[in-house]
Amino acid sequence: MYIVAEHTIEDAKPFWEKAQGEMKMIPKNLKLHQVLPNKDGSKAVCLWEGGNVEDVKSYVDGAFGKWSKNLYYSVEASNAFGLPK
């Protein structure tokens, strides 16, 4: 299942510093396919793959929740374009 996480980042510097280090700590049951930030780092959209939305939410909110507000939803793959193979 693909899951989108939309981030509204309240403190960009620590969020992105943490993101760089966190890449090696992603749980084995999740895969991060894309990170798409805006120019000033205050917003980002990430495409995840995992068993369910709750797994992504639990991990991301735990790692980044003090610097961002996050919205999660599952992707309807039958209507999507460009998903990883």
C-alpha atoms as a PDB file:
ATOM      1  CA  MET A   1       0.000   0.000   0.000  1.00  0.00           C
ATOM      2  CA  TYR A   2       1.212   3.501  -0.830  1.00  0.00           C
ATOM      3  CA  ILE A   3       0.731   6.249   1.725  1.00  0.00           C
ATOM      4  CA  VAL A   4       1.185   9.995   1.332  1.00  0.00           C
ATOM      5  CA  ALA A   5       2.403  12.139   4.211  1.00  0.00           C
ATOM      6  CA  GLU A   6       1.886  15.878   3.819  1.00  0.00           C
ATOM      7  CA  HIS A   7       4.027  17.955   6.174  1.00  0.00           C
ATOM      8  CA  THR A   8       3.500  21.540   7.274  1.00  0.00           C
ATOM      9  CA  ILE A   9       6.879  22.219   8.837  1.00  0.00           C
ATOM     10  CA  GLU A  10       6.968  24.720  11.672  1.00  0.00           C
ATOM     11  CA  ASP A  11      10.727  24.622  12.289  1.00  0.00           C
ATOM     12  CA  ALA A  12      12.539  23.702   9.077  1.00  0.00           C
ATOM     13  CA  LYS A  13      16.161  23.593  10.265  1.00  0.00           C
ATOM     14  CA  PRO A  14      15.814  20.816  12.878  1.00  0.00           C
ATOM     15  CA  PHE A  15      13.219  18.983  10.764  1.00  0.00           C
ATOM     16  CA  TRP A  16      15.568  18.659   7.773  1.00  0.00           C
ATOM     17  CA  GLU A  17      18.624  17.950   9.932  1.00  0.00           C
ATOM     18  CA  LYS A  18      16.692  15.119  11.591  1.00  0.00           C
ATOM     19  CA  ALA A  19      15.479  13.882   8.196  1.00  0.00           C
ATOM     20  CA  GLN A  20      19.054  13.450   6.943  1.00  0.00           C
ATOM     21  CA  GLY A  21      20.014  11.273   9.907  1.00  0.00           C
ATOM     22  CA  GLU A  22      16.725   9.424  10.013  1.00  0.00           C
ATOM     23  CA  MET A  23      17.109   7.910   6.540  1.00  0.00           C
ATOM     24  CA  LYS A  24      19.139   5.037   8.024  1.00  0.00           C
ATOM     25  CA  MET A  25      16.600   4.455  10.824  1.00  0.00           C
ATOM     26  CA  ILE A  26      13.421   3.812   8.818  1.00  0.00           C
ATOM     27  CA  PRO A  27      11.728   0.649  10.103  1.00  0.00           C
ATOM     28  CA  LYS A  28      12.048  -2.419   7.867  1.00  0.00           C
ATOM     29  CA  ASN A  29       8.271  -2.578   7.336  1.00  0.00           C
ATOM     30  CA  LEU A  30       8.262   0.867   5.666  1.00  0.00           C
ATOM     31  CA  LYS A  31       9.859   2.194   2.501  1.00  0.00           C
ATOM     32  CA  LEU A  32      10.258   5.868   1.672  1.00  0.00           C
ATOM     33  CA  HIS A  33      10.069   6.393  -2.103  1.00  0.00           C
ATOM     34  CA  GLN A  34      10.021  10.181  -2.476  1.00  0.00           C
ATOM     35  CA  VAL A  35      10.567  13.345  -0.469  1.00  0.00           C
ATOM     36  CA  LEU A  36       9.294  16.467  -2.244  1.00  0.00           C
ATOM     37  CA  PRO A  37       9.947  19.674  -0.264  1.00  0.00           C
ATOM     38  CA  ASN A  38       9.099  23.203  -1.328  1.00  0.00           C
ATOM     39  CA  LYS A  39      11.902  25.738  -1.784  1.00  0.00           C
ATOM     40  CA  ASP A  40      11.992  27.154   1.765  1.00  0.00           C
ATOM     41  CA  GLY A  41      11.512  23.767   3.467  1.00  0.00           C
ATOM     42  CA  SER A  42       8.241  24.729   5.148  1.00  0.00           C
ATOM     43  CA  LYS A  43       6.186  22.084   3.344  1.00  0.00           C
ATOM     44  CA  ALA A  44       6.831  18.629   1.949  1.00  0.00           C
ATOM     45  CA  VAL A  45       5.011  15.660   0.498  1.00  0.00           C
ATOM     46  CA  CYS A  46       6.441  12.173   0.984  1.00  0.00           C
ATOM     47  CA  LEU A  47       5.447   8.922  -0.670  1.00  0.00           C
ATOM     48  CA  TRP A  48       5.724   5.873   1.546  1.00  0.00           C
ATOM     49  CA  GLU A  49       5.023   2.198   1.106  1.00  0.00           C
ATOM     50  CA  GLY A  50       3.834   0.123   4.026  1.00  0.00           C
ATOM     51  CA  GLY A  51       1.163  -2.138   5.415  1.00  0.00           C
ATOM     52  CA  ASN A  52      -1.161   0.650   6.546  1.00  0.00           C
ATOM     53  CA  VAL A  53      -1.464   4.376   7.220  1.00  0.00           C
ATOM     54  CA  GLU A  54      -1.090   3.918  10.996  1.00  0.00           C
ATOM     55  CA  ASP A  55       2.414   2.427  10.638  1.00  0.00           C
ATOM     56  CA  VAL A  56       3.624   5.470   8.680  1.00  0.00           C
ATOM     57  CA  LYS A  57       1.831   7.902  11.009  1.00  0.00           C
ATOM     58  CA  SER A  58       3.292   6.309  14.114  1.00  0.00           C
ATOM     59  CA  TYR A  59       6.839   6.418  12.779  1.00  0.00           C
ATOM     60  CA  VAL A  60       6.725   9.899  11.217  1.00  0.00           C
ATOM     61  CA  ASP A  61       4.872  11.594  14.084  1.00  0.00           C
ATOM     62  CA  GLY A  62       7.300  10.037  16.550  1.00  0.00           C
ATOM     63  CA  ALA A  63      10.362  11.196  14.614  1.00  0.00           C
ATOM     64  CA  PHE A  64       9.174  14.595  13.316  1.00  0.00           C
ATOM     65  CA  GLY A  65       5.978  15.537  15.127  1.00  0.00           C
ATOM     66  CA  LYS A  66       7.552  18.211  17.297  1.00  0.00           C
ATOM     67  CA  TRP A  67       8.534  20.221  14.196  1.00  0.00           C
ATOM     68  CA  SER A  68       5.608  19.577  11.871  1.00  0.00           C
ATOM     69  CA  LYS A  69       1.897  18.967  11.533  1.00  0.00           C
ATOM     70  CA  ASN A  70       1.284  15.937   9.343  1.00  0.00           C
ATOM     71  CA  LEU A  71      -1.623  14.647   7.270  1.00  0.00           C
ATOM     72  CA  TYR A  72      -1.722  11.047   6.038  1.00  0.00           C
ATOM     73  CA  TYR A  73      -3.785   9.169   3.505  1.00  0.00           C
ATOM     74  CA  SER A  74      -3.636   5.975   1.496  1.00  0.00           C
ATOM     75  CA  VAL A  75      -3.218   6.238  -2.263  1.00  0.00           C
ATOM     76  CA  GLU A  76      -5.891   4.814  -4.547  1.00  0.00           C
ATOM     77  CA  ALA A  77      -3.425   3.029  -6.824  1.00  0.00           C
ATOM     78  CA  SER A  78      -5.967   2.361  -9.567  1.00  0.00           C
ATOM     79  CA  ASN A  79      -6.312   6.131 -10.157  1.00  0.00           C
ATOM     80  CA  ALA A  80      -2.664   7.083  -9.572  1.00  0.00           C
ATOM     81  CA  PHE A  81       0.042   7.837 -12.139  1.00  0.00           C
ATOM     82  CA  GLY A  82       3.788   7.299 -11.768  1.00  0.00           C
ATOM     83  CA  LEU A  83       3.850   5.044  -8.717  1.00  0.00           C
ATOM     84  CA  PRO A  84       7.072   3.061  -8.217  1.00  0.00           C
ATOM     85  CA  LYS A  85       7.098  -0.361  -9.856  1.00  0.00           C
END
